[in-house]
Structures are given as C-alpha cells and as structure tokens.
Amino acid sequence: MDMFGFDIVSIILVAGFITFWGVVIILFVLFANKNPYLPRKYYNVRLLDREENDLGMRKGWVISEHKVKWFRIGLKGFPSFKGVEKDISIMETMNKKGEIEIIEDVPDKYEPENYTPKNIPITQKDAFVNDILSVVNDDAKEAFRMKINEAIEKHSRLVDLNTSRATKEYISQARREAERVKSDDFIYKYGPILVLIVAGLFAYLIIDGSIKAYQTTMASQGALMENGYKQIVEQCGGVFQPINPPKNDTQTKPNTGVQLPFLTT
C-alpha cells in the first residue's frame, strides 16, 4: 500500500520489528532481577496453602538490590512476573531434597509477609527445651516436652526467620553506603544517555528503512511508467527512446599511451 510515494506496509513492518526487539532488550536490562528466564542459579521452592496442600513448584533465586542480597520467589511468570523478596536467611530452611517449603496464607496476595517458611530453624532448640524442663518434676517432663514442642510447631509460622543483629547492621550500613554512592553508579549516571543513544539508533534505523522503501517504490513506479510509455509508443508505430538510456560499459577506451604529468600534447 503506497501513500505519497511511501510503502506504508514496509515502513510499519520495519518500525514494528525494531521497536519490538528494542523493548525486549530494554525490559531484560531493567527487570533483570524479576525475570525468571535469565540464565542464573535457581532453587526449588514448593508452595503450600495453610492446610499444607501442595500448590506446585516455584522458582527461587538470589538477587542484589542496593548491594543487599535478597531471595526472590517467582510466583507467576510471563507476562505478570509476580513475586516477593524474602530475607536471604530463608535459604537455611532448605530440606534434604533441596527444596524450600513456603506457606501461602492468603491466595494471590503478593506481599512478603504473606509467605512464611514451613520449617523455621530455631537456634539451639533442644537446649532451649531442656532449660525450661530443668525446673519441672521428672514425672511431668515428658508431658511438658510434648506441650512445648506443640507450641513451637504451632507458632513457628507466625514469625519469620530472624537475622542476627550483626546481619541487620550490615544491611543498614550497606543501604546507607548505596545511597551515598548512587551518584557514582554507572547506570544511574549514564542510563539516560544510553537510553537516548539507543532511541536515536532506533530512529535512524526507522528513517533508513523508510528511505530505502521510498527509493524502491519510486524505482518501481518509474520502471512501470516507462514500460507503459514504451508500449503506447510502439503501438503507435514509433520507436521509444528512454530518457536515461542504459550505459554501455562494454566499449573499450582507445589506448592513448602513458600520460605524463605536466606535459600537454
């Protein structure tokens, strides 16, 4: 389809092709942490409901944000890319199968607090229980032990993994340093310039494709019109002479010898 001498279909196809792949590349760069299809180390995360019914396997991977590592759980893939970031210490709950079991309290509520580990390790659990039972009579120790274990199992889901004080201080310090050095970050400083360069490249490719499509269209129209004029002239008994006759490059130039500079003949 032509309009004002331009092949509109070719221009749209070229522009659409360039725009599509440009958007794909930019999205891959901007959302690298949330994209579950990039080549990286993935971990198996088994999702359970509140009754511990299996909801299927999910992907988990380690991301870095402002120099702080988090564990992201991918809950939904393309095109929504839904997921939550949990503390990196959640990897300590990995079982012998290499799976991290996560309980979803409310379906489709994408908040970190809505997803808690099924098995939360308690530091020195046995020592903690024995310390409490040290003041209990021997006859009641087993009953108390069962009650304590039931209470731990019951309330373990209500609290998430607790990081140590040193880890929390490290995270806070890393965040403060990240804010201070943000101005020195390459992407932060030169990101807008790179975007402009990429946009300019896409614009150049679109314009170049449009010019080539225009030249091709004009050449086709010229050849078509010339052929039409030729048929009309020949039908009237004349001989058609093209405006721009093809050059005959087969003729050889006469040999005039070697021309010396600064000498006239």
Protein backbone atom coordinates (compact mmCIF):
# COMPACT_ATOMS: atom_id res chain seq x y z
CA MET A 1 0.00 0.00 0.00
CA ASP A 2 1.50 3.32 -1.12
CA MET A 3 0.85 6.79 0.24
CA PHE A 4 2.68 9.85 -1.10
CA GLY A 5 5.22 7.55 -2.70
CA PHE A 6 5.96 5.62 0.52
CA ASP A 7 5.40 1.92 1.03
CA ILE A 8 3.45 2.19 4.27
CA VAL A 9 3.38 -1.56 4.93
CA SER A 10 7.17 -1.86 4.70
CA ILE A 11 7.68 1.14 6.97
CA ILE A 12 5.26 -0.25 9.58
CA LEU A 13 6.89 -3.69 9.47
CA VAL A 14 10.41 -2.29 9.86
CA ALA A 15 9.38 0.09 12.65
CA GLY A 16 7.45 -2.66 14.45
CA PHE A 17 10.33 -5.12 14.21
CA ILE A 18 12.86 -2.62 15.57
CA THR A 19 10.52 -1.40 18.31
CA PHE A 20 9.65 -4.93 19.46
CA TRP A 21 13.23 -6.10 19.89
CA GLY A 22 14.28 -2.77 21.37
CA VAL A 23 11.57 -3.03 24.03
CA VAL A 24 12.51 -6.65 24.74
CA ILE A 25 16.18 -5.78 25.27
CA ILE A 26 15.36 -2.77 27.47
CA LEU A 27 12.94 -4.79 29.61
CA PHE A 28 15.51 -7.55 30.06
CA VAL A 29 18.00 -4.97 31.34
CA LEU A 30 15.62 -3.01 33.57
CA PHE A 31 13.85 -6.03 35.08
CA ALA A 32 16.75 -8.46 35.28
CA ASN A 33 16.08 -9.21 38.98
CA LYS A 34 12.42 -10.04 38.37
CA ASN A 35 12.85 -12.02 35.16
CA PRO A 36 12.72 -15.78 35.89
CA TYR A 37 14.07 -16.76 32.47
CA LEU A 38 17.60 -15.37 32.60
CA PRO A 39 20.45 -17.87 33.00
CA ARG A 40 21.30 -17.99 36.70
CA LYS A 41 21.29 -20.38 39.66
CA TYR A 42 17.69 -21.30 40.55
CA TYR A 43 16.35 -23.10 43.63
CA ASN A 44 13.24 -25.21 44.01
CA VAL A 45 10.51 -23.59 46.11
CA ARG A 46 7.48 -25.71 46.97
CA LEU A 47 4.37 -23.60 47.60
CA LEU A 48 1.82 -24.83 50.18
CA ASP A 49 -1.50 -23.46 51.36
CA ARG A 50 -2.48 -23.02 55.02
CA GLU A 51 -3.58 -26.68 55.21
CA GLU A 52 -0.18 -27.64 53.75
CA ASN A 53 -1.68 -28.80 50.46
CA ASP A 54 0.82 -28.76 47.64
CA LEU A 55 0.26 -25.85 45.22
CA GLY A 56 3.13 -26.72 42.94
CA MET A 57 6.79 -25.88 42.47
CA ARG A 58 8.09 -22.36 42.02
CA LYS A 59 11.46 -20.85 41.19
CA GLY A 60 13.67 -19.01 43.65
CA TRP A 61 16.87 -17.09 43.04
CA VAL A 62 19.22 -14.67 44.76
CA ILE A 63 19.10 -11.02 43.71
CA SER A 64 21.11 -7.98 44.74
CA GLU A 65 19.44 -4.64 45.35
CA HIS A 66 21.48 -1.68 46.60
CA LYS A 67 24.28 -4.13 47.41
CA VAL A 68 21.97 -6.15 49.70
CA LYS A 69 21.15 -9.75 48.80
CA TRP A 70 17.56 -10.99 48.87
CA PHE A 71 15.89 -14.26 47.94
CA ARG A 72 13.17 -13.75 45.34
CA ILE A 73 10.35 -16.26 44.93
CA GLY A 74 8.78 -16.22 41.49
CA LEU A 75 5.05 -16.83 41.93
CA LYS A 76 3.80 -16.10 38.41
CA GLY A 77 5.66 -15.93 35.12
CA PHE A 78 5.08 -14.11 31.87
CA PRO A 79 3.59 -11.56 31.45
CA SER A 80 2.95 -10.51 35.07
CA PHE A 81 6.21 -11.69 36.71
CA LYS A 82 4.65 -11.70 40.19
CA GLY A 83 6.95 -12.50 43.09
CA VAL A 84 8.15 -11.48 46.54
CA GLU A 85 11.57 -10.83 48.08
CA LYS A 86 12.37 -12.56 51.36
CA ASP A 87 15.37 -12.32 53.63
CA ILE A 88 18.32 -14.30 52.31
CA SER A 89 18.30 -16.37 55.51
CA ILE A 90 15.20 -18.18 54.22
CA MET A 91 17.60 -20.45 52.34
CA GLU A 92 18.50 -22.01 55.70
CA THR A 93 15.13 -23.79 55.67
CA MET A 94 16.08 -25.92 52.65
CA ASN A 95 15.29 -29.58 53.30
CA LYS A 96 17.25 -32.67 52.30
CA LYS A 97 15.60 -32.70 48.87
CA GLY A 98 16.98 -29.26 48.14
CA GLU A 99 13.53 -27.66 48.36
CA ILE A 100 12.43 -24.58 50.28
CA GLU A 101 8.85 -25.08 51.50
CA ILE A 102 6.79 -21.90 51.72
CA ILE A 103 3.27 -21.48 53.13
CA GLU A 104 0.90 -19.03 51.43
CA ASP A 105 -1.59 -17.69 53.95
CA VAL A 106 -3.84 -15.75 51.54
CA PRO A 107 -4.03 -16.77 47.87
CA ASP A 108 -2.71 -14.26 45.31
CA LYS A 109 -1.65 -11.72 47.92
CA TYR A 110 1.80 -10.73 46.73
CA GLU A 111 3.32 -9.38 49.92
CA PRO A 112 6.41 -10.77 51.66
CA GLU A 113 4.55 -11.18 54.96
CA ASN A 114 2.01 -13.47 53.28
CA TYR A 115 4.65 -16.14 52.59
CA THR A 116 6.37 -17.84 55.51
CA PRO A 117 8.65 -20.88 55.68
CA LYS A 118 7.10 -24.14 56.76
CA ASN A 119 10.10 -25.24 58.80
CA ILE A 120 11.75 -22.41 60.72
CA PRO A 121 15.03 -23.40 62.35
CA ILE A 122 15.23 -22.37 65.99
CA THR A 123 18.75 -21.92 67.29
CA GLN A 124 19.66 -24.46 69.95
CA LYS A 125 16.10 -25.75 70.15
CA ASP A 126 16.95 -28.76 72.30
CA ALA A 127 18.97 -26.64 74.70
CA PHE A 128 16.06 -24.22 74.96
CA VAL A 129 13.57 -27.02 75.79
CA ASN A 130 15.93 -28.68 78.28
CA ASP A 131 16.48 -25.35 80.02
CA ILE A 132 12.75 -24.98 80.61
CA LEU A 133 12.35 -28.59 81.72
CA SER A 134 15.15 -28.26 84.28
CA VAL A 135 12.69 -26.72 86.76
CA VAL A 136 9.98 -29.32 86.13
CA ASN A 137 9.47 -32.53 88.09
CA ASP A 138 10.68 -35.69 86.41
CA ASP A 139 7.17 -37.16 86.25
CA ALA A 140 5.86 -34.19 84.27
CA LYS A 141 8.84 -33.61 81.99
CA GLU A 142 7.57 -35.69 79.06
CA ALA A 143 4.15 -34.03 79.15
CA PHE A 144 5.79 -30.60 79.31
CA ARG A 145 8.19 -31.55 76.50
CA MET A 146 5.28 -32.50 74.22
CA LYS A 147 3.43 -29.31 75.11
CA ILE A 148 6.47 -27.14 74.38
CA ASN A 149 7.09 -28.86 71.04
CA GLU A 150 3.44 -28.40 70.06
CA ALA A 151 3.61 -24.71 70.97
CA ILE A 152 6.79 -24.24 68.93
CA GLU A 153 5.25 -26.03 65.96
CA LYS A 154 2.03 -24.03 66.26
CA HIS A 155 3.57 -20.58 66.48
CA SER A 156 6.61 -21.07 64.29
CA ARG A 157 4.71 -19.86 61.20
CA LEU A 158 3.77 -16.55 62.82
CA VAL A 159 7.35 -15.33 62.92
CA ASP A 160 9.76 -15.18 60.04
CA LEU A 161 13.42 -16.06 60.12
CA ASN A 162 15.22 -13.64 62.39
CA THR A 163 18.55 -12.38 61.23
CA SER A 164 21.26 -11.66 63.72
CA ARG A 165 21.98 -8.17 64.97
CA ALA A 166 25.22 -8.11 63.02
CA THR A 167 23.38 -9.00 59.81
CA LYS A 168 20.81 -6.26 60.37
CA GLU A 169 23.56 -3.73 60.99
CA TYR A 170 25.31 -4.88 57.82
CA ILE A 171 22.13 -4.42 55.80
CA SER A 172 21.56 -0.94 57.22
CA GLN A 173 25.16 0.05 56.56
CA ALA A 174 25.02 -1.34 53.03
CA ARG A 175 21.87 0.65 52.32
CA ARG A 176 23.43 3.86 53.63
CA GLU A 177 26.52 3.30 51.51
CA ALA A 178 24.37 2.53 48.48
CA GLU A 179 22.58 5.85 48.89
CA ARG A 180 25.86 7.73 49.22
CA VAL A 181 27.47 6.18 46.16
CA LYS A 182 24.36 6.21 43.99
CA SER A 183 25.70 9.24 42.16
CA ASP A 184 28.77 7.19 41.18
CA ASP A 185 26.78 4.31 39.78
CA PHE A 186 27.33 3.91 36.05
CA ILE A 187 23.73 3.06 35.20
CA TYR A 188 22.41 5.83 37.44
CA LYS A 189 24.69 8.44 35.84
CA TYR A 190 24.76 7.35 32.23
CA GLY A 191 21.48 5.46 31.98
CA PRO A 192 19.52 8.37 30.43
CA ILE A 193 22.32 8.98 27.91
CA LEU A 194 22.37 5.31 26.93
CA VAL A 195 18.59 5.36 26.52
CA LEU A 196 18.87 8.41 24.24
CA ILE A 197 21.58 6.71 22.19
CA VAL A 198 19.50 3.56 21.78
CA ALA A 199 16.42 5.64 20.91
CA GLY A 200 18.48 7.59 18.36
CA LEU A 201 19.73 4.34 16.85
CA PHE A 202 16.20 3.03 16.54
CA ALA A 203 15.09 6.31 14.95
CA TYR A 204 17.98 6.15 12.47
CA LEU A 205 17.12 2.57 11.51
CA ILE A 206 13.47 3.52 11.02
CA ILE A 207 14.38 6.53 8.86
CA ASP A 208 16.91 4.49 6.89
CA GLY A 209 14.34 1.78 6.28
CA SER A 210 11.80 4.40 5.21
CA ILE A 211 14.25 5.97 2.74
CA LYS A 212 15.11 2.60 1.22
CA ALA A 213 11.44 1.72 0.96
CA TYR A 214 10.78 5.08 -0.72
CA GLN A 215 13.64 4.59 -3.20
CA THR A 216 12.44 1.10 -4.03
CA THR A 217 8.89 2.37 -4.54
CA MET A 218 10.00 5.25 -6.78
CA ALA A 219 12.21 2.95 -8.86
CA SER A 220 9.33 0.51 -9.30
CA GLN A 221 6.94 3.29 -10.27
CA GLY A 222 9.46 4.73 -12.75
CA ALA A 223 10.03 1.37 -14.39
CA LEU A 224 6.28 0.76 -14.56
CA MET A 225 5.56 4.15 -16.13
CA GLU A 226 8.43 3.78 -18.62
CA ASN A 227 7.15 0.37 -19.66
CA GLY A 228 3.69 1.84 -20.17
CA TYR A 229 5.03 4.69 -22.31
CA LYS A 230 7.07 2.21 -24.36
CA GLN A 231 4.03 0.08 -25.13
CA ILE A 232 1.99 3.14 -26.16
CA VAL A 233 4.73 4.45 -28.48
CA GLU A 234 5.31 1.05 -30.09
CA GLN A 235 1.59 0.53 -30.63
CA CYS A 236 1.51 3.87 -32.50
CA GLY A 237 4.37 2.71 -34.75
CA GLY A 238 7.10 4.77 -33.16
CA VAL A 239 10.40 3.94 -31.55
CA PHE A 240 10.63 4.59 -27.84
CA GLN A 241 13.74 6.38 -26.65
CA PRO A 242 14.20 6.21 -22.84
CA ILE A 243 15.08 9.44 -21.08
CA ASN A 244 18.01 7.81 -19.28
CA PRO A 245 19.31 5.11 -21.65
CA PRO A 246 21.42 2.40 -20.05
CA LYS A 247 25.14 2.98 -20.27
CA ASN A 248 27.17 0.59 -22.38
CA ASP A 249 30.23 -0.21 -20.35
CA THR A 250 31.44 -2.89 -22.77
CA GLN A 251 33.13 -0.40 -25.08
CA THR A 252 36.86 -0.20 -24.54
CA LYS A 253 38.61 3.11 -24.43
CA PRO A 254 41.33 3.72 -27.03
CA ASN A 255 44.86 3.27 -25.82
CA THR A 256 46.45 6.70 -25.73
CA GLY A 257 49.66 5.57 -24.09
CA VAL A 258 51.05 6.72 -20.82
CA GLN A 259 50.13 10.25 -19.91
CA LEU A 260 52.93 12.07 -18.16
CA PRO A 261 52.01 14.74 -15.67
CA PHE A 262 52.64 18.42 -16.51
CA LEU A 263 53.05 17.57 -20.23
CA THR A 264 50.47 18.53 -22.83
CA THR A 265 50.08 17.03 -26.29
